[in-house]
Amino acid sequence: MFHAAAEAILESGRTVDLLITDIVMPGRNGVDLAAWARTRYPNLAVLFVSAYASNAMDRFGASVDSEAYLGKPFSTLEL
């Protein structure tokens, strides 16, 4: 998942303003993806989503207090 997302970002040829990523993914996680993407787009806004409790962010190295987090399931209105 990490590599597919990174490839999509690189191949888009567009400036990326917002990354919405799940925290838990096979292989590398969404926190790693956000860190990688921010090396290319330093002002990138990131929204982390997860079906796990918000403490999943702490487990993967990001703080709920410093990042946007939305728990699954969520509605279109909540998004």
PDB file of N, CA and C in Angstrom:
ATOM      1  N   MET A   1       0.813  -1.187   0.000  1.00  0.00           N
ATOM      2  CA  MET A   1       0.000   0.000   0.000  1.00  0.00           C
ATOM      3  C   MET A   1       0.862   1.259   0.000  1.00  0.00           C
ATOM      4  N   PHE A   2       1.885   1.307   0.852  1.00  0.00           N
ATOM      5  CA  PHE A   2       2.763   2.474   0.913  1.00  0.00           C
ATOM      6  C   PHE A   2       3.327   2.776  -0.473  1.00  0.00           C
ATOM      7  N   HIS A   3       3.882   1.744  -1.104  1.00  0.00           N
ATOM      8  CA  HIS A   3       4.536   1.952  -2.401  1.00  0.00           C
ATOM      9  C   HIS A   3       3.542   2.362  -3.477  1.00  0.00           C
ATOM     10  N   ALA A   4       2.360   1.790  -3.468  1.00  0.00           N
ATOM     11  CA  ALA A   4       1.333   2.159  -4.448  1.00  0.00           C
ATOM     12  C   ALA A   4       0.909   3.612  -4.255  1.00  0.00           C
ATOM     13  N   ALA A   5       0.754   4.023  -3.008  1.00  0.00           N
ATOM     14  CA  ALA A   5       0.366   5.412  -2.735  1.00  0.00           C
ATOM     15  C   ALA A   5       1.481   6.374  -3.124  1.00  0.00           C
ATOM     16  N   ALA A   6       2.707   6.039  -2.787  1.00  0.00           N
ATOM     17  CA  ALA A   6       3.843   6.892  -3.139  1.00  0.00           C
ATOM     18  C   ALA A   6       3.974   7.013  -4.653  1.00  0.00           C
ATOM     19  N   GLU A   7       3.799   5.916  -5.341  1.00  0.00           N
ATOM     20  CA  GLU A   7       3.870   5.927  -6.808  1.00  0.00           C
ATOM     21  C   GLU A   7       2.762   6.796  -7.398  1.00  0.00           C
ATOM     22  N   ALA A   8       1.570   6.703  -6.865  1.00  0.00           N
ATOM     23  CA  ALA A   8       0.450   7.518  -7.353  1.00  0.00           C
ATOM     24  C   ALA A   8       0.741   9.004  -7.153  1.00  0.00           C
ATOM     25  N   ILE A   9       1.336   9.353  -6.024  1.00  0.00           N
ATOM     26  CA  ILE A   9       1.689  10.750  -5.767  1.00  0.00           C
ATOM     27  C   ILE A   9       2.721  11.221  -6.777  1.00  0.00           C
ATOM     28  N   LEU A  10       3.752  10.430  -7.005  1.00  0.00           N
ATOM     29  CA  LEU A  10       4.816  10.812  -7.930  1.00  0.00           C
ATOM     30  C   LEU A  10       4.320  10.899  -9.371  1.00  0.00           C
ATOM     31  N   GLU A  11       3.473   9.965  -9.765  1.00  0.00           N
ATOM     32  CA  GLU A  11       3.011   9.919 -11.147  1.00  0.00           C
ATOM     33  C   GLU A  11       1.899  10.904 -11.465  1.00  0.00           C
ATOM     34  N   SER A  12       1.289  11.486 -10.436  1.00  0.00           N
ATOM     35  CA  SER A  12       0.163  12.391 -10.679  1.00  0.00           C
ATOM     36  C   SER A  12       0.593  13.647 -11.427  1.00  0.00           C
ATOM     37  N   GLY A  13       1.815  14.074 -11.183  1.00  0.00           N
ATOM     38  CA  GLY A  13       2.294  15.292 -11.833  1.00  0.00           C
ATOM     39  C   GLY A  13       1.635  16.547 -11.285  1.00  0.00           C
ATOM     40  N   ARG A  14       0.910  16.414 -10.226  1.00  0.00           N
ATOM     41  CA  ARG A  14       0.201  17.548  -9.629  1.00  0.00           C
ATOM     42  C   ARG A  14       0.749  17.834  -8.240  1.00  0.00           C
ATOM     43  N   THR A  15       0.492  19.030  -7.782  1.00  0.00           N
ATOM     44  CA  THR A  15       0.816  19.365  -6.402  1.00  0.00           C
ATOM     45  C   THR A  15      -0.224  18.709  -5.507  1.00  0.00           C
ATOM     46  N   VAL A  16       0.221  18.080  -4.458  1.00  0.00           N
ATOM     47  CA  VAL A  16      -0.681  17.417  -3.527  1.00  0.00           C
ATOM     48  C   VAL A  16      -0.895  18.347  -2.336  1.00  0.00           C
ATOM     49  N   ASP A  17      -2.164  18.660  -2.052  1.00  0.00           N
ATOM     50  CA  ASP A  17      -2.494  19.548  -0.940  1.00  0.00           C
ATOM     51  C   ASP A  17      -2.975  18.791   0.288  1.00  0.00           C
ATOM     52  N   LEU A  18      -3.588  17.619   0.067  1.00  0.00           N
ATOM     53  CA  LEU A  18      -4.163  16.850   1.165  1.00  0.00           C
ATOM     54  C   LEU A  18      -3.932  15.366   0.932  1.00  0.00           C
ATOM     55  N   LEU A  19      -3.464  14.702   1.957  1.00  0.00           N
ATOM     56  CA  LEU A  19      -3.303  13.255   1.943  1.00  0.00           C
ATOM     57  C   LEU A  19      -4.235  12.680   2.993  1.00  0.00           C
ATOM     58  N   ILE A  20      -5.113  11.788   2.583  1.00  0.00           N
ATOM     59  CA  ILE A  20      -5.961  11.050   3.514  1.00  0.00           C
ATOM     60  C   ILE A  20      -5.454   9.623   3.487  1.00  0.00           C
ATOM     61  N   THR A  21      -4.992   9.153   4.632  1.00  0.00           N
ATOM     62  CA  THR A  21      -4.385   7.832   4.694  1.00  0.00           C
ATOM     63  C   THR A  21      -4.795   7.089   5.947  1.00  0.00           C
ATOM     64  N   ASP A  22      -4.968   5.800   5.797  1.00  0.00           N
ATOM     65  CA  ASP A  22      -5.211   4.955   6.960  1.00  0.00           C
ATOM     66  C   ASP A  22      -3.902   4.867   7.739  1.00  0.00           C
ATOM     67  N   ILE A  23      -3.998   4.761   9.032  1.00  0.00           N
ATOM     68  CA  ILE A  23      -2.794   4.614   9.852  1.00  0.00           C
ATOM     69  C   ILE A  23      -2.206   3.221   9.669  1.00  0.00           C
ATOM     70  N   VAL A  24      -3.053   2.212   9.725  1.00  0.00           N
ATOM     71  CA  VAL A  24      -2.599   0.823   9.664  1.00  0.00           C
ATOM     72  C   VAL A  24      -2.734   0.325   8.229  1.00  0.00           C
ATOM     73  N   MET A  25      -1.606  -0.050   7.642  1.00  0.00           N
ATOM     74  CA  MET A  25      -1.583  -0.582   6.278  1.00  0.00           C
ATOM     75  C   MET A  25      -0.605  -1.748   6.265  1.00  0.00           C
ATOM     76  N   PRO A  26      -0.743  -2.634   5.293  1.00  0.00           N
ATOM     77  CA  PRO A  26       0.243  -3.709   5.163  1.00  0.00           C
ATOM     78  C   PRO A  26       1.625  -3.120   4.874  1.00  0.00           C
ATOM     79  N   GLY A  27       2.625  -3.647   5.476  1.00  0.00           N
ATOM     80  CA  GLY A  27       3.983  -3.126   5.273  1.00  0.00           C
ATOM     81  C   GLY A  27       4.171  -1.850   6.067  1.00  0.00           C
ATOM     82  N   ARG A  28       4.601  -0.811   5.414  1.00  0.00           N
ATOM     83  CA  ARG A  28       4.798   0.476   6.084  1.00  0.00           C
ATOM     84  C   ARG A  28       3.451   1.122   6.358  1.00  0.00           C
ATOM     85  N   ASN A  29       3.387   1.960   7.369  1.00  0.00           N
ATOM     86  CA  ASN A  29       2.112   2.516   7.803  1.00  0.00           C
ATOM     87  C   ASN A  29       1.866   3.919   7.254  1.00  0.00           C
ATOM     88  N   GLY A  30       0.687   4.444   7.543  1.00  0.00           N
ATOM     89  CA  GLY A  30       0.291   5.760   7.059  1.00  0.00           C
ATOM     90  C   GLY A  30       1.117   6.893   7.627  1.00  0.00           C
ATOM     91  N   VAL A  31       1.642   6.729   8.831  1.00  0.00           N
ATOM     92  CA  VAL A  31       2.509   7.755   9.413  1.00  0.00           C
ATOM     93  C   VAL A  31       3.792   7.855   8.591  1.00  0.00           C
ATOM     94  N   ASP A  32       4.336   6.715   8.182  1.00  0.00           N
ATOM     95  CA  ASP A  32       5.518   6.713   7.309  1.00  0.00           C
ATOM     96  C   ASP A  32       5.203   7.363   5.964  1.00  0.00           C
ATOM     97  N   LEU A  33       4.031   7.049   5.419  1.00  0.00           N
ATOM     98  CA  LEU A  33       3.633   7.631   4.135  1.00  0.00           C
ATOM     99  C   LEU A  33       3.541   9.150   4.244  1.00  0.00           C
ATOM    100  N   ALA A  34       2.937   9.639   5.305  1.00  0.00           N
ATOM    101  CA  ALA A  34       2.803  11.085   5.494  1.00  0.00           C
ATOM    102  C   ALA A  34       4.179  11.743   5.615  1.00  0.00           C
ATOM    103  N   ALA A  35       5.071  11.128   6.365  1.00  0.00           N
ATOM    104  CA  ALA A  35       6.423  11.680   6.510  1.00  0.00           C
ATOM    105  C   ALA A  35       7.136  11.722   5.160  1.00  0.00           C
ATOM    106  N   TRP A  36       7.014  10.653   4.396  1.00  0.00           N
ATOM    107  CA  TRP A  36       7.630  10.616   3.065  1.00  0.00           C
ATOM    108  C   TRP A  36       7.034  11.702   2.172  1.00  0.00           C
ATOM    109  N   ALA A  37       5.712  11.813   2.150  1.00  0.00           N
ATOM    110  CA  ALA A  37       5.045  12.793   1.284  1.00  0.00           C
ATOM    111  C   ALA A  37       5.403  14.219   1.679  1.00  0.00           C
ATOM    112  N   ARG A  38       5.591  14.466   2.967  1.00  0.00           N
ATOM    113  CA  ARG A  38       5.939  15.817   3.418  1.00  0.00           C
ATOM    114  C   ARG A  38       7.364  16.204   3.053  1.00  0.00           C
ATOM    115  N   THR A  39       8.215  15.241   2.699  1.00  0.00           N
ATOM    116  CA  THR A  39       9.544  15.605   2.198  1.00  0.00           C
ATOM    117  C   THR A  39       9.423  16.241   0.822  1.00  0.00           C
ATOM    118  N   ARG A  40       8.369  15.907   0.095  1.00  0.00           N
ATOM    119  CA  ARG A  40       8.125  16.468  -1.236  1.00  0.00           C
ATOM    120  C   ARG A  40       7.196  17.677  -1.191  1.00  0.00           C
ATOM    121  N   TYR A  41       6.273  17.670  -0.260  1.00  0.00           N
ATOM    122  CA  TYR A  41       5.295  18.739  -0.099  1.00  0.00           C
ATOM    123  C   TYR A  41       5.261  19.148   1.375  1.00  0.00           C
ATOM    124  N   PRO A  42       6.171  20.035   1.782  1.00  0.00           N
ATOM    125  CA  PRO A  42       6.302  20.369   3.209  1.00  0.00           C
ATOM    126  C   PRO A  42       5.028  20.921   3.855  1.00  0.00           C
ATOM    127  N   ASN A  43       4.170  21.550   3.091  1.00  0.00           N
ATOM    128  CA  ASN A  43       2.944  22.124   3.651  1.00  0.00           C
ATOM    129  C   ASN A  43       1.747  21.194   3.513  1.00  0.00           C
ATOM    130  N   LEU A  44       1.998  19.944   3.225  1.00  0.00           N
ATOM    131  CA  LEU A  44       0.943  18.969   3.008  1.00  0.00           C
ATOM    132  C   LEU A  44       0.077  18.785   4.247  1.00  0.00           C
ATOM    133  N   ALA A  45      -1.229  18.901   4.066  1.00  0.00           N
ATOM    134  CA  ALA A  45      -2.166  18.586   5.143  1.00  0.00           C
ATOM    135  C   ALA A  45      -2.415  17.085   5.105  1.00  0.00           C
ATOM    136  N   VAL A  46      -2.497  16.480   6.277  1.00  0.00           N
ATOM    137  CA  VAL A  46      -2.695  15.032   6.363  1.00  0.00           C
ATOM    138  C   VAL A  46      -3.859  14.747   7.299  1.00  0.00           C
ATOM    139  N   LEU A  47      -4.750  13.878   6.840  1.00  0.00           N
ATOM    140  CA  LEU A  47      -5.839  13.378   7.672  1.00  0.00           C
ATOM    141  C   LEU A  47      -5.630  11.883   7.823  1.00  0.00           C
ATOM    142  N   PHE A  48      -5.419  11.443   9.049  1.00  0.00           N
ATOM    143  CA  PHE A  48      -5.278  10.024   9.335  1.00  0.00           C
ATOM    144  C   PHE A  48      -6.644   9.461   9.687  1.00  0.00           C
ATOM    145  N   VAL A  49      -6.943   8.280   9.155  1.00  0.00           N
ATOM    146  CA  VAL A  49      -8.172   7.577   9.497  1.00  0.00           C
ATOM    147  C   VAL A  49      -7.804   6.181   9.986  1.00  0.00           C
ATOM    148  N   SER A  50      -8.656   5.637  10.842  1.00  0.00           N
ATOM    149  CA  SER A  50      -8.386   4.294  11.345  1.00  0.00           C
ATOM    150  C   SER A  50      -9.627   3.719  11.997  1.00  0.00           C
ATOM    151  N   ALA A  51      -9.773   2.419  11.882  1.00  0.00           N
ATOM    152  CA  ALA A  51     -10.841   1.709  12.581  1.00  0.00           C
ATOM    153  C   ALA A  51     -10.408   1.360  13.994  1.00  0.00           C
ATOM    154  N   TYR A  52      -9.132   1.542  14.284  1.00  0.00           N
ATOM    155  CA  TYR A  52      -8.603   1.269  15.611  1.00  0.00           C
ATOM    156  C   TYR A  52      -8.774   2.505  16.482  1.00  0.00           C
ATOM    157  N   ALA A  53      -8.610   2.347  17.754  1.00  0.00           N
ATOM    158  CA  ALA A  53      -8.698   3.484  18.671  1.00  0.00           C
ATOM    159  C   ALA A  53      -7.638   4.518  18.308  1.00  0.00           C
ATOM    160  N   SER A  54      -7.881   5.758  18.700  1.00  0.00           N
ATOM    161  CA  SER A  54      -6.950   6.831  18.363  1.00  0.00           C
ATOM    162  C   SER A  54      -5.540   6.578  18.897  1.00  0.00           C
ATOM    163  N   ASN A  55      -5.381   5.675  19.862  1.00  0.00           N
ATOM    164  CA  ASN A  55      -4.037   5.378  20.364  1.00  0.00           C
ATOM    165  C   ASN A  55      -3.193   4.640  19.320  1.00  0.00           C
ATOM    166  N   ALA A  56      -3.806   4.225  18.216  1.00  0.00           N
ATOM    167  CA  ALA A  56      -3.032   3.613  17.127  1.00  0.00           C
ATOM    168  C   ALA A  56      -2.007   4.594  16.583  1.00  0.00           C
ATOM    169  N   MET A  57      -2.332   5.878  16.605  1.00  0.00           N
ATOM    170  CA  MET A  57      -1.373   6.870  16.121  1.00  0.00           C
ATOM    171  C   MET A  57      -0.125   6.870  16.991  1.00  0.00           C
ATOM    172  N   ASP A  58      -0.310   6.825  18.292  1.00  0.00           N
ATOM    173  CA  ASP A  58       0.838   6.788  19.193  1.00  0.00           C
ATOM    174  C   ASP A  58       1.697   5.557  18.934  1.00  0.00           C
ATOM    175  N   ARG A  59       1.041   4.424  18.667  1.00  0.00           N
ATOM    176  CA  ARG A  59       1.760   3.187  18.394  1.00  0.00           C
ATOM    177  C   ARG A  59       2.640   3.305  17.159  1.00  0.00           C
ATOM    178  N   PHE A  60       2.203   4.117  16.191  1.00  0.00           N
ATOM    179  CA  PHE A  60       2.952   4.243  14.942  1.00  0.00           C
ATOM    180  C   PHE A  60       3.765   5.527  14.856  1.00  0.00           C
ATOM    181  N   GLY A  61       3.829   6.271  15.949  1.00  0.00           N
ATOM    182  CA  GLY A  61       4.753   7.400  15.995  1.00  0.00           C
ATOM    183  C   GLY A  61       4.179   8.757  15.666  1.00  0.00           C
ATOM    184  N   ALA A  62       2.895   8.948  15.824  1.00  0.00           N
ATOM    185  CA  ALA A  62       2.302  10.266  15.610  1.00  0.00           C
ATOM    186  C   ALA A  62       1.358  10.543  16.768  1.00  0.00           C
ATOM    187  N   SER A  63       1.174  11.805  17.039  1.00  0.00           N
ATOM    188  CA  SER A  63       0.316  12.189  18.154  1.00  0.00           C
ATOM    189  C   SER A  63      -1.023  12.689  17.646  1.00  0.00           C
ATOM    190  N   VAL A  64      -2.085  12.242  18.275  1.00  0.00           N
ATOM    191  CA  VAL A  64      -3.423  12.708  17.919  1.00  0.00           C
ATOM    192  C   VAL A  64      -3.505  14.209  18.126  1.00  0.00           C
ATOM    193  N   ASP A  65      -2.794  14.723  19.100  1.00  0.00           N
ATOM    194  CA  ASP A  65      -2.831  16.153  19.383  1.00  0.00           C
ATOM    195  C   ASP A  65      -2.197  16.980  18.271  1.00  0.00           C
ATOM    196  N   SER A  66      -1.228  16.429  17.553  1.00  0.00           N
ATOM    197  CA  SER A  66      -0.521  17.198  16.535  1.00  0.00           C
ATOM    198  C   SER A  66      -0.973  16.879  15.112  1.00  0.00           C
ATOM    199  N   GLU A  67      -1.845  15.913  14.944  1.00  0.00           N
ATOM    200  CA  GLU A  67      -2.298  15.512  13.618  1.00  0.00           C
ATOM    201  C   GLU A  67      -3.816  15.411  13.586  1.00  0.00           C
ATOM    202  N   ALA A  68      -4.383  15.547  12.403  1.00  0.00           N
ATOM    203  CA  ALA A  68      -5.824  15.379  12.232  1.00  0.00           C
ATOM    204  C   ALA A  68      -6.134  13.882  12.183  1.00  0.00           C
ATOM    205  N   TYR A  69      -7.143  13.467  12.934  1.00  0.00           N
ATOM    206  CA  TYR A  69      -7.502  12.061  13.031  1.00  0.00           C
ATOM    207  C   TYR A  69      -9.016  11.929  12.946  1.00  0.00           C
ATOM    208  N   LEU A  70      -9.465  10.940  12.178  1.00  0.00           N
ATOM    209  CA  LEU A  70     -10.889  10.639  12.065  1.00  0.00           C
ATOM    210  C   LEU A  70     -11.065   9.136  12.222  1.00  0.00           C
ATOM    211  N   GLY A  71     -11.850   8.746  13.213  1.00  0.00           N
ATOM    212  CA  GLY A  71     -12.076   7.324  13.462  1.00  0.00           C
ATOM    213  C   GLY A  71     -13.100   6.742  12.504  1.00  0.00           C
ATOM    214  N   LYS A  72     -12.842   5.504  12.066  1.00  0.00           N
ATOM    215  CA  LYS A  72     -13.793   4.785  11.209  1.00  0.00           C
ATOM    216  C   LYS A  72     -14.796   4.058  12.084  1.00  0.00           C
ATOM    217  N   PRO A  73     -15.967   3.853  11.663  1.00  0.00           N
ATOM    218  CA  PRO A  73     -16.541   4.386  10.428  1.00  0.00           C
ATOM    219  C   PRO A  73     -16.905   5.861  10.618  1.00  0.00           C
ATOM    220  N   PHE A  74     -16.959   6.579   9.508  1.00  0.00           N
ATOM    221  CA  PHE A  74     -17.356   7.975   9.550  1.00  0.00           C
ATOM    222  C   PHE A  74     -18.262   8.267   8.363  1.00  0.00           C
ATOM    223  N   SER A  75     -19.034   9.318   8.505  1.00  0.00           N
ATOM    224  CA  SER A  75     -19.971   9.686   7.449  1.00  0.00           C
ATOM    225  C   SER A  75     -19.323  10.706   6.511  1.00  0.00           C
ATOM    226  N   THR A  76     -19.949  10.917   5.389  1.00  0.00           N
ATOM    227  CA  THR A  76     -19.484  11.932   4.451  1.00  0.00           C
ATOM    228  C   THR A  76     -19.510  13.296   5.124  1.00  0.00           C
ATOM    229  N   LEU A  77     -20.529  13.538   5.915  1.00  0.00           N
ATOM    230  CA  LEU A  77     -20.649  14.804   6.626  1.00  0.00           C
ATOM    231  C   LEU A  77     -19.481  15.005   7.594  1.00  0.00           C
ATOM    232  N   GLU A  78     -19.110  13.965   8.323  1.00  0.00           N
ATOM    233  CA  GLU A  78     -17.981  14.057   9.240  1.00  0.00           C
ATOM    234  C   GLU A  78     -16.676  14.322   8.493  1.00  0.00           C
ATOM    235  N   LEU A  79     -16.522  13.713   7.348  1.00  0.00           N
ATOM    236  CA  LEU A  79     -15.311  13.908   6.544  1.00  0.00           C
ATOM    237  C   LEU A  79     -15.219  15.348   6.090  1.00  0.00           C
TER     238      LEU A  79
END
